[in-house]
Structure formats: structure tokens, C-alpha cells
Amino acid sequence: MFDFDRPSSRDFTETVSILAHLARFILADITDAKSIPQELQAIVPTLSVPAQPLLEGSAEEYGMFSDFRKYPWVMETYRYRDLNDLLSSLSEKVIAPAEAKARELLKEK
């Protein structure tokens, strides 16, 4: 999660992409997706870093998200009931699998 003012020398997509290049993995809540489709399009096709999509409740993935499934670093979508459920399961069900995927991808290089 980012909470920052956009640098004057970069737009938001460039800034998010730069940060993704520094990250070990990406957690992307695609529930009620607004800017995340553009951000993922700028990152996923060119950067082999684990991307863990998250969805709340019975929400559906946005229409074109399925295009990212062809990339082996895009993980299965993790569904959570509500914020409390996500926070209580974050370490075991989200971060640990993303860390494992990062180690797997590193071994393949």
C-alpha cells in the first residue's frame, strides 16, 4: 500500500513500477479495481516478481485480469471475507506463499 505524493519528475504509474522493481513480491487487491489494472499492466508482463491478487468476499475479478494468468509469477487469487479475515490470515495465507513463490522464481534464474 502506498500513501505518498507523486514525485514531480514521475507519474503514478512510473512510480509504482519503480517500487515494484524493488519489491520481493506484490500484493494487489483487485476488489473494486480502479487504477490497479493499469498498474498491473505496467508491471506484470515485464517483471517476474510474484504478484498475489486479493479479492474480498464474492467479488469477481475484473474482466481482463485473466490475461495475467499466463505469467507463472501471478499467483492464484486469495479470497478473504472481510478486513479482519485478511489481517488475521495475512502472514500465513498471503505473505508466506508469496515468499515461497519468490524463492521458487529465484531458483529458476
PDB file of N, CA and C in Angstrom:
ATOM      1  N   MET A   1       0.850  -1.171   0.000  1.00  0.00           N
ATOM      2  CA  MET A   1       0.000   0.000   0.000  1.00  0.00           C
ATOM      3  C   MET A   1       0.891   1.228   0.000  1.00  0.00           C
ATOM      4  N   PHE A   2       0.557   2.147  -0.844  1.00  0.00           N
ATOM      5  CA  PHE A   2       1.342   3.358  -0.934  1.00  0.00           C
ATOM      6  C   PHE A   2       0.471   4.544  -0.544  1.00  0.00           C
ATOM      7  N   ASP A   3       1.037   5.428   0.207  1.00  0.00           N
ATOM      8  CA  ASP A   3       0.365   6.668   0.578  1.00  0.00           C
ATOM      9  C   ASP A   3       1.423   7.760   0.470  1.00  0.00           C
ATOM     10  N   PHE A   4       1.509   8.368  -0.695  1.00  0.00           N
ATOM     11  CA  PHE A   4       2.549   9.349  -0.927  1.00  0.00           C
ATOM     12  C   PHE A   4       2.098  10.331  -1.994  1.00  0.00           C
ATOM     13  N   ASP A   5       2.753  11.448  -2.023  1.00  0.00           N
ATOM     14  CA  ASP A   5       2.532  12.409  -3.090  1.00  0.00           C
ATOM     15  C   ASP A   5       3.376  11.989  -4.283  1.00  0.00           C
ATOM     16  N   ARG A   6       2.829  12.120  -5.457  1.00  0.00           N
ATOM     17  CA  ARG A   6       3.558  11.751  -6.663  1.00  0.00           C
ATOM     18  C   ARG A   6       4.790  12.638  -6.801  1.00  0.00           C
ATOM     19  N   PRO A   7       5.936  12.027  -7.081  1.00  0.00           N
ATOM     20  CA  PRO A   7       7.121  12.845  -7.330  1.00  0.00           C
ATOM     21  C   PRO A   7       6.890  13.731  -8.552  1.00  0.00           C
ATOM     22  N   SER A   8       7.405  14.913  -8.542  1.00  0.00           N
ATOM     23  CA  SER A   8       7.173  15.831  -9.659  1.00  0.00           C
ATOM     24  C   SER A   8       7.830  15.348 -10.948  1.00  0.00           C
ATOM     25  N   SER A   9       8.835  14.491 -10.833  1.00  0.00           N
ATOM     26  CA  SER A   9       9.545  14.018 -12.022  1.00  0.00           C
ATOM     27  C   SER A   9       8.965  12.728 -12.615  1.00  0.00           C
ATOM     28  N   ARG A  10       7.957  12.110 -11.965  1.00  0.00           N
ATOM     29  CA  ARG A  10       7.375  10.848 -12.417  1.00  0.00           C
ATOM     30  C   ARG A  10       5.862  10.883 -12.253  1.00  0.00           C
ATOM     31  N   ASP A  11       5.147  10.131 -13.110  1.00  0.00           N
ATOM     32  CA  ASP A  11       3.708   9.984 -12.877  1.00  0.00           C
ATOM     33  C   ASP A  11       3.494   8.798 -11.947  1.00  0.00           C
ATOM     34  N   PHE A  12       2.247   8.543 -11.559  1.00  0.00           N
ATOM     35  CA  PHE A  12       1.970   7.477 -10.594  1.00  0.00           C
ATOM     36  C   PHE A  12       2.358   6.095 -11.132  1.00  0.00           C
ATOM     37  N   THR A  13       2.061   5.829 -12.387  1.00  0.00           N
ATOM     38  CA  THR A  13       2.371   4.512 -12.942  1.00  0.00           C
ATOM     39  C   THR A  13       3.877   4.268 -12.937  1.00  0.00           C
ATOM     40  N   GLU A  14       4.650   5.257 -13.322  1.00  0.00           N
ATOM     41  CA  GLU A  14       6.112   5.114 -13.285  1.00  0.00           C
ATOM     42  C   GLU A  14       6.601   4.879 -11.863  1.00  0.00           C
ATOM     43  N   THR A  15       6.047   5.606 -10.926  1.00  0.00           N
ATOM     44  CA  THR A  15       6.456   5.476  -9.522  1.00  0.00           C
ATOM     45  C   THR A  15       6.132   4.088  -8.993  1.00  0.00           C
ATOM     46  N   VAL A  16       4.923   3.593  -9.261  1.00  0.00           N
ATOM     47  CA  VAL A  16       4.538   2.260  -8.813  1.00  0.00           C
ATOM     48  C   VAL A  16       5.442   1.214  -9.467  1.00  0.00           C
ATOM     49  N   SER A  17       5.755   1.380 -10.731  1.00  0.00           N
ATOM     50  CA  SER A  17       6.628   0.449 -11.433  1.00  0.00           C
ATOM     51  C   SER A  17       8.029   0.432 -10.819  1.00  0.00           C
ATOM     52  N   ILE A  18       8.554   1.580 -10.492  1.00  0.00           N
ATOM     53  CA  ILE A  18       9.876   1.660  -9.849  1.00  0.00           C
ATOM     54  C   ILE A  18       9.849   0.918  -8.516  1.00  0.00           C
ATOM     55  N   LEU A  19       8.819   1.147  -7.733  1.00  0.00           N
ATOM     56  CA  LEU A  19       8.711   0.469  -6.437  1.00  0.00           C
ATOM     57  C   LEU A  19       8.550  -1.038  -6.610  1.00  0.00           C
ATOM     58  N   ALA A  20       7.815  -1.463  -7.622  1.00  0.00           N
ATOM     59  CA  ALA A  20       7.642  -2.898  -7.882  1.00  0.00           C
ATOM     60  C   ALA A  20       8.981  -3.547  -8.227  1.00  0.00           C
ATOM     61  N   HIS A  21       9.838  -2.821  -8.920  1.00  0.00           N
ATOM     62  CA  HIS A  21      11.160  -3.353  -9.260  1.00  0.00           C
ATOM     63  C   HIS A  21      12.024  -3.551  -8.017  1.00  0.00           C
ATOM     64  N   LEU A  22      11.690  -2.895  -6.949  1.00  0.00           N
ATOM     65  CA  LEU A  22      12.440  -3.029  -5.703  1.00  0.00           C
ATOM     66  C   LEU A  22      11.817  -4.065  -4.766  1.00  0.00           C
ATOM     67  N   ALA A  23      10.606  -4.503  -5.082  1.00  0.00           N
ATOM     68  CA  ALA A  23       9.843  -5.365  -4.176  1.00  0.00           C
ATOM     69  C   ALA A  23      10.197  -6.838  -4.351  1.00  0.00           C
ATOM     70  N   ARG A  24      10.052  -7.585  -3.286  1.00  0.00           N
ATOM     71  CA  ARG A  24      10.239  -9.038  -3.327  1.00  0.00           C
ATOM     72  C   ARG A  24       8.984  -9.718  -3.888  1.00  0.00           C
ATOM     73  N   PHE A  25       7.807  -9.126  -3.613  1.00  0.00           N
ATOM     74  CA  PHE A  25       6.544  -9.597  -4.155  1.00  0.00           C
ATOM     75  C   PHE A  25       5.549  -8.453  -4.116  1.00  0.00           C
ATOM     76  N   ILE A  26       4.432  -8.644  -4.839  1.00  0.00           N
ATOM     77  CA  ILE A  26       3.394  -7.618  -4.937  1.00  0.00           C
ATOM     78  C   ILE A  26       2.086  -8.210  -4.436  1.00  0.00           C
ATOM     79  N   LEU A  27       1.412  -7.497  -3.561  1.00  0.00           N
ATOM     80  CA  LEU A  27       0.058  -7.844  -3.133  1.00  0.00           C
ATOM     81  C   LEU A  27      -0.861  -6.836  -3.804  1.00  0.00           C
ATOM     82  N   ALA A  28      -1.823  -7.318  -4.569  1.00  0.00           N
ATOM     83  CA  ALA A  28      -2.696  -6.427  -5.321  1.00  0.00           C
ATOM     84  C   ALA A  28      -4.157  -6.764  -5.033  1.00  0.00           C
ATOM     85  N   ASP A  29      -4.824  -5.908  -4.279  1.00  0.00           N
ATOM     86  CA  ASP A  29      -6.247  -6.120  -4.012  1.00  0.00           C
ATOM     87  C   ASP A  29      -7.017  -5.630  -5.232  1.00  0.00           C
ATOM     88  N   ILE A  30      -7.609  -6.572  -5.939  1.00  0.00           N
ATOM     89  CA  ILE A  30      -8.325  -6.239  -7.170  1.00  0.00           C
ATOM     90  C   ILE A  30      -9.833  -6.117  -6.947  1.00  0.00           C
ATOM     91  N   THR A  31     -10.236  -6.076  -5.672  1.00  0.00           N
ATOM     92  CA  THR A  31     -11.624  -5.814  -5.335  1.00  0.00           C
ATOM     93  C   THR A  31     -11.915  -4.366  -5.709  1.00  0.00           C
ATOM     94  N   ASP A  32     -12.961  -4.126  -6.437  1.00  0.00           N
ATOM     95  CA  ASP A  32     -13.328  -2.761  -6.821  1.00  0.00           C
ATOM     96  C   ASP A  32     -12.138  -2.048  -7.466  1.00  0.00           C
ATOM     97  N   ALA A  33     -11.520  -2.728  -8.422  1.00  0.00           N
ATOM     98  CA  ALA A  33     -10.312  -2.218  -9.079  1.00  0.00           C
ATOM     99  C   ALA A  33     -10.576  -0.891  -9.790  1.00  0.00           C
ATOM    100  N   LYS A  34      -9.700   0.044  -9.565  1.00  0.00           N
ATOM    101  CA  LYS A  34      -9.768   1.339 -10.249  1.00  0.00           C
ATOM    102  C   LYS A  34      -8.473   1.560 -11.018  1.00  0.00           C
ATOM    103  N   SER A  35      -7.405   1.890 -10.327  1.00  0.00           N
ATOM    104  CA  SER A  35      -6.131   2.131 -11.007  1.00  0.00           C
ATOM    105  C   SER A  35      -5.276   0.877 -11.103  1.00  0.00           C
ATOM    106  N   ILE A  36      -5.596  -0.143 -10.321  1.00  0.00           N
ATOM    107  CA  ILE A  36      -4.762  -1.345 -10.286  1.00  0.00           C
ATOM    108  C   ILE A  36      -4.641  -2.035 -11.652  1.00  0.00           C
ATOM    109  N   PRO A  37      -5.663  -2.048 -12.523  1.00  0.00           N
ATOM    110  CA  PRO A  37      -5.455  -2.674 -13.827  1.00  0.00           C
ATOM    111  C   PRO A  37      -4.308  -2.028 -14.614  1.00  0.00           C
ATOM    112  N   GLN A  38      -4.240  -0.715 -14.608  1.00  0.00           N
ATOM    113  CA  GLN A  38      -3.162  -0.027 -15.323  1.00  0.00           C
ATOM    114  C   GLN A  38      -1.818  -0.298 -14.657  1.00  0.00           C
ATOM    115  N   GLU A  39      -1.798  -0.291 -13.338  1.00  0.00           N
ATOM    116  CA  GLU A  39      -0.547  -0.538 -12.630  1.00  0.00           C
ATOM    117  C   GLU A  39      -0.033  -1.943 -12.906  1.00  0.00           C
ATOM    118  N   LEU A  40      -0.927  -2.941 -12.853  1.00  0.00           N
ATOM    119  CA  LEU A  40      -0.518  -4.320 -13.124  1.00  0.00           C
ATOM    120  C   LEU A  40      -0.057  -4.483 -14.568  1.00  0.00           C
ATOM    121  N   GLN A  41      -0.717  -3.806 -15.495  1.00  0.00           N
ATOM    122  CA  GLN A  41      -0.307  -3.894 -16.903  1.00  0.00           C
ATOM    123  C   GLN A  41       1.098  -3.329 -17.099  1.00  0.00           C
ATOM    124  N   ALA A  42       1.472  -2.358 -16.298  1.00  0.00           N
ATOM    125  CA  ALA A  42       2.809  -1.773 -16.405  1.00  0.00           C
ATOM    126  C   ALA A  42       3.873  -2.642 -15.745  1.00  0.00           C
ATOM    127  N   ILE A  43       3.450  -3.562 -14.879  1.00  0.00           N
ATOM    128  CA  ILE A  43       4.405  -4.340 -14.087  1.00  0.00           C
ATOM    129  C   ILE A  43       4.470  -5.808 -14.510  1.00  0.00           C
ATOM    130  N   VAL A  44       3.353  -6.479 -14.514  1.00  0.00           N
ATOM    131  CA  VAL A  44       3.324  -7.944 -14.635  1.00  0.00           C
ATOM    132  C   VAL A  44       3.990  -8.476 -15.909  1.00  0.00           C
ATOM    133  N   PRO A  45       3.710  -7.925 -17.102  1.00  0.00           N
ATOM    134  CA  PRO A  45       4.309  -8.519 -18.300  1.00  0.00           C
ATOM    135  C   PRO A  45       5.837  -8.419 -18.376  1.00  0.00           C
ATOM    136  N   THR A  46       6.417  -7.475 -17.677  1.00  0.00           N
ATOM    137  CA  THR A  46       7.859  -7.238 -17.826  1.00  0.00           C
ATOM    138  C   THR A  46       8.688  -7.549 -16.595  1.00  0.00           C
ATOM    139  N   LEU A  47       8.055  -7.875 -15.500  1.00  0.00           N
ATOM    140  CA  LEU A  47       8.783  -8.056 -14.244  1.00  0.00           C
ATOM    141  C   LEU A  47       8.374  -9.372 -13.603  1.00  0.00           C
ATOM    142  N   SER A  48       9.289 -10.305 -13.512  1.00  0.00           N
ATOM    143  CA  SER A  48       8.961 -11.630 -12.960  1.00  0.00           C
ATOM    144  C   SER A  48       9.098 -11.626 -11.443  1.00  0.00           C
ATOM    145  N   VAL A  49       8.212 -10.875 -10.816  1.00  0.00           N
ATOM    146  CA  VAL A  49       8.122 -10.825  -9.359  1.00  0.00           C
ATOM    147  C   VAL A  49       6.747 -11.381  -8.975  1.00  0.00           C
ATOM    148  N   PRO A  50       6.665 -12.205  -7.932  1.00  0.00           N
ATOM    149  CA  PRO A  50       5.365 -12.768  -7.576  1.00  0.00           C
ATOM    150  C   PRO A  50       4.311 -11.679  -7.358  1.00  0.00           C
ATOM    151  N   ALA A  51       3.163 -11.891  -7.961  1.00  0.00           N
ATOM    152  CA  ALA A  51       2.034 -10.982  -7.804  1.00  0.00           C
ATOM    153  C   ALA A  51       0.886 -11.779  -7.207  1.00  0.00           C
ATOM    154  N   GLN A  52       0.479 -11.413  -6.006  1.00  0.00           N
ATOM    155  CA  GLN A  52      -0.589 -12.105  -5.293  1.00  0.00           C
ATOM    156  C   GLN A  52      -1.856 -11.266  -5.350  1.00  0.00           C
ATOM    157  N   PRO A  53      -2.818 -11.642  -6.213  1.00  0.00           N
ATOM    158  CA  PRO A  53      -4.085 -10.916  -6.243  1.00  0.00           C
ATOM    159  C   PRO A  53      -4.949 -11.286  -5.042  1.00  0.00           C
ATOM    160  N   LEU A  54      -5.688 -10.315  -4.546  1.00  0.00           N
ATOM    161  CA  LEU A  54      -6.587 -10.480  -3.405  1.00  0.00           C
ATOM    162  C   LEU A  54      -7.988 -10.036  -3.825  1.00  0.00           C
ATOM    163  N   LEU A  55      -9.001 -10.743  -3.342  1.00  0.00           N
ATOM    164  CA  LEU A  55     -10.392 -10.381  -3.620  1.00  0.00           C
ATOM    165  C   LEU A  55     -11.226 -10.549  -2.362  1.00  0.00           C
ATOM    166  N   GLU A  56     -12.066  -9.571  -2.089  1.00  0.00           N
ATOM    167  CA  GLU A  56     -12.936  -9.638  -0.916  1.00  0.00           C
ATOM    168  C   GLU A  56     -14.249 -10.309  -1.261  1.00  0.00           C
ATOM    169  N   GLY A  57     -14.663 -11.212  -0.368  1.00  0.00           N
ATOM    170  CA  GLY A  57     -15.987 -11.837  -0.459  1.00  0.00           C
ATOM    171  C   GLY A  57     -16.262 -12.503  -1.783  1.00  0.00           C
ATOM    172  N   SER A  58     -17.426 -12.212  -2.324  1.00  0.00           N
ATOM    173  CA  SER A  58     -17.831 -12.840  -3.580  1.00  0.00           C
ATOM    174  C   SER A  58     -17.558 -11.939  -4.781  1.00  0.00           C
ATOM    175  N   ALA A  59     -16.738 -10.909  -4.594  1.00  0.00           N
ATOM    176  CA  ALA A  59     -16.392 -10.015  -5.702  1.00  0.00           C
ATOM    177  C   ALA A  59     -15.754 -10.820  -6.829  1.00  0.00           C
ATOM    178  N   GLU A  60     -15.918 -10.348  -8.029  1.00  0.00           N
ATOM    179  CA  GLU A  60     -15.360 -11.005  -9.210  1.00  0.00           C
ATOM    180  C   GLU A  60     -14.102 -10.271  -9.664  1.00  0.00           C
ATOM    181  N   GLU A  61     -13.182 -11.027 -10.260  1.00  0.00           N
ATOM    182  CA  GLU A  61     -12.008 -10.393 -10.867  1.00  0.00           C
ATOM    183  C   GLU A  61     -12.486  -9.499 -11.996  1.00  0.00           C
ATOM    184  N   TYR A  62     -11.805  -8.387 -12.217  1.00  0.00           N
ATOM    185  CA  TYR A  62     -12.202  -7.521 -13.321  1.00  0.00           C
ATOM    186  C   TYR A  62     -11.968  -8.265 -14.637  1.00  0.00           C
ATOM    187  N   GLY A  63     -12.718  -7.895 -15.649  1.00  0.00           N
ATOM    188  CA  GLY A  63     -12.817  -8.651 -16.884  1.00  0.00           C
ATOM    189  C   GLY A  63     -11.531  -9.124 -17.517  1.00  0.00           C
ATOM    190  N   MET A  64     -10.536  -8.288 -17.609  1.00  0.00           N
ATOM    191  CA  MET A  64      -9.324  -8.652 -18.329  1.00  0.00           C
ATOM    192  C   MET A  64      -8.219  -9.166 -17.420  1.00  0.00           C
ATOM    193  N   PHE A  65      -8.509  -9.348 -16.148  1.00  0.00           N
ATOM    194  CA  PHE A  65      -7.483  -9.855 -15.242  1.00  0.00           C
ATOM    195  C   PHE A  65      -6.987 -11.230 -15.676  1.00  0.00           C
ATOM    196  N   SER A  66      -7.858 -12.009 -16.258  1.00  0.00           N
ATOM    197  CA  SER A  66      -7.481 -13.367 -16.672  1.00  0.00           C
ATOM    198  C   SER A  66      -6.297 -13.368 -17.642  1.00  0.00           C
ATOM    199  N   ASP A  67      -6.067 -12.274 -18.353  1.00  0.00           N
ATOM    200  CA  ASP A  67      -4.912 -12.189 -19.256  1.00  0.00           C
ATOM    201  C   ASP A  67      -3.588 -12.359 -18.516  1.00  0.00           C
ATOM    202  N   PHE A  68      -3.565 -12.036 -17.219  1.00  0.00           N
ATOM    203  CA  PHE A  68      -2.329 -12.157 -16.440  1.00  0.00           C
ATOM    204  C   PHE A  68      -2.039 -13.598 -16.034  1.00  0.00           C
ATOM    205  N   ARG A  69      -2.989 -14.487 -16.172  1.00  0.00           N
ATOM    206  CA  ARG A  69      -2.804 -15.875 -15.740  1.00  0.00           C
ATOM    207  C   ARG A  69      -1.704 -16.596 -16.524  1.00  0.00           C
ATOM    208  N   LYS A  70      -1.357 -16.085 -17.694  1.00  0.00           N
ATOM    209  CA  LYS A  70      -0.319 -16.745 -18.493  1.00  0.00           C
ATOM    210  C   LYS A  70       1.079 -16.554 -17.909  1.00  0.00           C
ATOM    211  N   TYR A  71       1.229 -15.629 -16.977  1.00  0.00           N
ATOM    212  CA  TYR A  71       2.526 -15.380 -16.360  1.00  0.00           C
ATOM    213  C   TYR A  71       2.670 -16.250 -15.119  1.00  0.00           C
ATOM    214  N   PRO A  72       3.703 -17.074 -15.057  1.00  0.00           N
ATOM    215  CA  PRO A  72       3.839 -18.001 -13.929  1.00  0.00           C
ATOM    216  C   PRO A  72       4.069 -17.328 -12.584  1.00  0.00           C
ATOM    217  N   TRP A  73       4.385 -16.056 -12.576  1.00  0.00           N
ATOM    218  CA  TRP A  73       4.596 -15.353 -11.305  1.00  0.00           C
ATOM    219  C   TRP A  73       3.310 -14.730 -10.768  1.00  0.00           C
ATOM    220  N   VAL A  74       2.213 -14.841 -11.509  1.00  0.00           N
ATOM    221  CA  VAL A  74       0.913 -14.387 -10.997  1.00  0.00           C
ATOM    222  C   VAL A  74       0.284 -15.561 -10.265  1.00  0.00           C
ATOM    223  N   MET A  75       0.061 -15.387  -8.999  1.00  0.00           N
ATOM    224  CA  MET A  75      -0.423 -16.457  -8.128  1.00  0.00           C
ATOM    225  C   MET A  75      -1.946 -16.564  -8.193  1.00  0.00           C
ATOM    226  N   GLU A  76      -2.459 -17.665  -7.670  1.00  0.00           N
ATOM    227  CA  GLU A  76      -3.909 -17.825  -7.581  1.00  0.00           C
ATOM    228  C   GLU A  76      -4.477 -16.736  -6.681  1.00  0.00           C
ATOM    229  N   THR A  77      -5.651 -16.264  -7.017  1.00  0.00           N
ATOM    230  CA  THR A  77      -6.284 -15.203  -6.242  1.00  0.00           C
ATOM    231  C   THR A  77      -6.636 -15.708  -4.839  1.00  0.00           C
ATOM    232  N   TYR A  78      -6.250 -14.934  -3.845  1.00  0.00           N
ATOM    233  CA  TYR A  78      -6.614 -15.251  -2.462  1.00  0.00           C
ATOM    234  C   TYR A  78      -7.885 -14.480  -2.118  1.00  0.00           C
ATOM    235  N   ARG A  79      -8.909 -15.203  -1.686  1.00  0.00           N
ATOM    236  CA  ARG A  79     -10.181 -14.577  -1.301  1.00  0.00           C
ATOM    237  C   ARG A  79     -10.261 -14.457   0.213  1.00  0.00           C
ATOM    238  N   TYR A  80     -10.698 -13.309   0.659  1.00  0.00           N
ATOM    239  CA  TYR A  80     -10.879 -13.075   2.088  1.00  0.00           C
ATOM    240  C   TYR A  80     -12.298 -12.572   2.335  1.00  0.00           C
ATOM    241  N   ARG A  81     -12.819 -12.851   3.523  1.00  0.00           N
ATOM    242  CA  ARG A  81     -14.204 -12.473   3.849  1.00  0.00           C
ATOM    243  C   ARG A  81     -14.361 -10.975   4.095  1.00  0.00           C
ATOM    244  N   ASP A  82     -13.469 -10.426   4.906  1.00  0.00           N
ATOM    245  CA  ASP A  82     -13.528  -9.010   5.266  1.00  0.00           C
ATOM    246  C   ASP A  82     -12.133  -8.596   5.738  1.00  0.00           C
ATOM    247  N   LEU A  83     -11.980  -7.352   6.105  1.00  0.00           N
ATOM    248  CA  LEU A  83     -10.660  -6.854   6.501  1.00  0.00           C
ATOM    249  C   LEU A  83     -10.086  -7.625   7.683  1.00  0.00           C
ATOM    250  N   ASN A  84     -10.901  -7.938   8.674  1.00  0.00           N
ATOM    251  CA  ASN A  84     -10.410  -8.710   9.823  1.00  0.00           C
ATOM    252  C   ASN A  84      -9.898 -10.077   9.395  1.00  0.00           C
ATOM    253  N   ASP A  85     -10.615 -10.727   8.484  1.00  0.00           N
ATOM    254  CA  ASP A  85     -10.192 -12.026   7.974  1.00  0.00           C
ATOM    255  C   ASP A  85      -8.855 -11.892   7.246  1.00  0.00           C
ATOM    256  N   LEU A  86      -8.721 -10.886   6.411  1.00  0.00           N
ATOM    257  CA  LEU A  86      -7.469 -10.667   5.680  1.00  0.00           C
ATOM    258  C   LEU A  86      -6.318 -10.427   6.645  1.00  0.00           C
ATOM    259  N   LEU A  87      -6.519  -9.560   7.613  1.00  0.00           N
ATOM    260  CA  LEU A  87      -5.440  -9.251   8.556  1.00  0.00           C
ATOM    261  C   LEU A  87      -5.040 -10.465   9.387  1.00  0.00           C
ATOM    262  N   SER A  88      -6.008 -11.279   9.778  1.00  0.00           N
ATOM    263  CA  SER A  88      -5.683 -12.442  10.600  1.00  0.00           C
ATOM    264  C   SER A  88      -5.002 -13.546   9.793  1.00  0.00           C
ATOM    265  N   SER A  89      -5.219 -13.580   8.498  1.00  0.00           N
ATOM    266  CA  SER A  89      -4.626 -14.623   7.663  1.00  0.00           C
ATOM    267  C   SER A  89      -3.446 -14.119   6.832  1.00  0.00           C
ATOM    268  N   LEU A  90      -3.118 -12.858   6.925  1.00  0.00           N
ATOM    269  CA  LEU A  90      -2.119 -12.235   6.065  1.00  0.00           C
ATOM    270  C   LEU A  90      -0.777 -12.959   6.082  1.00  0.00           C
ATOM    271  N   SER A  91      -0.251 -13.222   7.245  1.00  0.00           N
ATOM    272  CA  SER A  91       1.069 -13.847   7.346  1.00  0.00           C
ATOM    273  C   SER A  91       1.082 -15.248   6.753  1.00  0.00           C
ATOM    274  N   GLU A  92       0.133 -16.068   7.163  1.00  0.00           N
ATOM    275  CA  GLU A  92       0.120 -17.481   6.767  1.00  0.00           C
ATOM    276  C   GLU A  92      -0.391 -17.712   5.352  1.00  0.00           C
ATOM    277  N   LYS A  93      -1.442 -17.018   4.952  1.00  0.00           N
ATOM    278  CA  LYS A  93      -2.120 -17.320   3.692  1.00  0.00           C
ATOM    279  C   LYS A  93      -1.724 -16.416   2.525  1.00  0.00           C
ATOM    280  N   VAL A  94      -1.084 -15.288   2.818  1.00  0.00           N
ATOM    281  CA  VAL A  94      -0.741 -14.345   1.750  1.00  0.00           C
ATOM    282  C   VAL A  94       0.780 -14.145   1.664  1.00  0.00           C
ATOM    283  N   ILE A  95       1.380 -13.702   2.750  1.00  0.00           N
ATOM    284  CA  ILE A  95       2.810 -13.387   2.712  1.00  0.00           C
ATOM    285  C   ILE A  95       3.667 -14.645   2.581  1.00  0.00           C
ATOM    286  N   ALA A  96       3.390 -15.677   3.359  1.00  0.00           N
ATOM    287  CA  ALA A  96       4.205 -16.904   3.282  1.00  0.00           C
ATOM    288  C   ALA A  96       4.178 -17.516   1.879  1.00  0.00           C
ATOM    289  N   PRO A  97       3.009 -17.667   1.235  1.00  0.00           N
ATOM    290  CA  PRO A  97       3.015 -18.195  -0.137  1.00  0.00           C
ATOM    291  C   PRO A  97       3.739 -17.269  -1.132  1.00  0.00           C
ATOM    292  N   ALA A  98       3.617 -15.962  -0.953  1.00  0.00           N
ATOM    293  CA  ALA A  98       4.320 -15.026  -1.843  1.00  0.00           C
ATOM    294  C   ALA A  98       5.829 -15.150  -1.654  1.00  0.00           C
ATOM    295  N   GLU A  99       6.270 -15.302  -0.418  1.00  0.00           N
ATOM    296  CA  GLU A  99       7.701 -15.515  -0.144  1.00  0.00           C
ATOM    297  C   GLU A  99       8.175 -16.817  -0.783  1.00  0.00           C
ATOM    298  N   ALA A 100       7.383 -17.868  -0.668  1.00  0.00           N
ATOM    299  CA  ALA A 100       7.741 -19.159  -1.263  1.00  0.00           C
ATOM    300  C   ALA A 100       7.850 -19.037  -2.782  1.00  0.00           C
ATOM    301  N   LYS A 101       6.932 -18.310  -3.391  1.00  0.00           N
ATOM    302  CA  LYS A 101       6.964 -18.101  -4.844  1.00  0.00           C
ATOM    303  C   LYS A 101       8.209 -17.306  -5.229  1.00  0.00           C
ATOM    304  N   ALA A 102       8.568 -16.316  -4.433  1.00  0.00           N
ATOM    305  CA  ALA A 102       9.778 -15.525  -4.704  1.00  0.00           C
ATOM    306  C   ALA A 102      11.015 -16.416  -4.663  1.00  0.00           C
ATOM    307  N   ARG A 103      11.094 -17.316  -3.694  1.00  0.00           N
ATOM    308  CA  ARG A 103      12.227 -18.233  -3.602  1.00  0.00           C
ATOM    309  C   ARG A 103      12.251 -19.181  -4.806  1.00  0.00           C
ATOM    310  N   GLU A 104      11.073 -19.666  -5.197  1.00  0.00           N
ATOM    311  CA  GLU A 104      10.970 -20.557  -6.353  1.00  0.00           C
ATOM    312  C   GLU A 104      11.472 -19.869  -7.623  1.00  0.00           C
ATOM    313  N   LEU A 105      11.036 -18.643  -7.837  1.00  0.00           N
ATOM    314  CA  LEU A 105      11.451 -17.904  -9.040  1.00  0.00           C
ATOM    315  C   LEU A 105      12.952 -17.612  -9.017  1.00  0.00           C
ATOM    316  N   LEU A 106      13.483 -17.361  -7.838  1.00  0.00           N
ATOM    317  CA  LEU A 106      14.918 -17.089  -7.715  1.00  0.00           C
ATOM    318  C   LEU A 106      15.736 -18.330  -8.085  1.00  0.00           C
ATOM    319  N   LYS A 107      15.268 -19.501  -7.689  1.00  0.00           N
ATOM    320  CA  LYS A 107      15.962 -20.757  -8.023  1.00  0.00           C
ATOM    321  C   LYS A 107      15.960 -21.015  -9.528  1.00  0.00           C
ATOM    322  N   GLU A 108      14.911 -20.550 -10.213  1.00  0.00           N
ATOM    323  CA  GLU A 108      14.793 -20.776 -11.658  1.00  0.00           C
ATOM    324  C   GLU A 108      15.706 -19.868 -12.469  1.00  0.00           C
ATOM    325  N   LYS A 109      16.242 -18.832 -11.855  1.00  0.00           N
ATOM    326  CA  LYS A 109      17.110 -17.885 -12.594  1.00  0.00           C
ATOM    327  C   LYS A 109      18.496 -18.411 -12.738  1.00  0.00           C
TER     328      LYS A 109
END
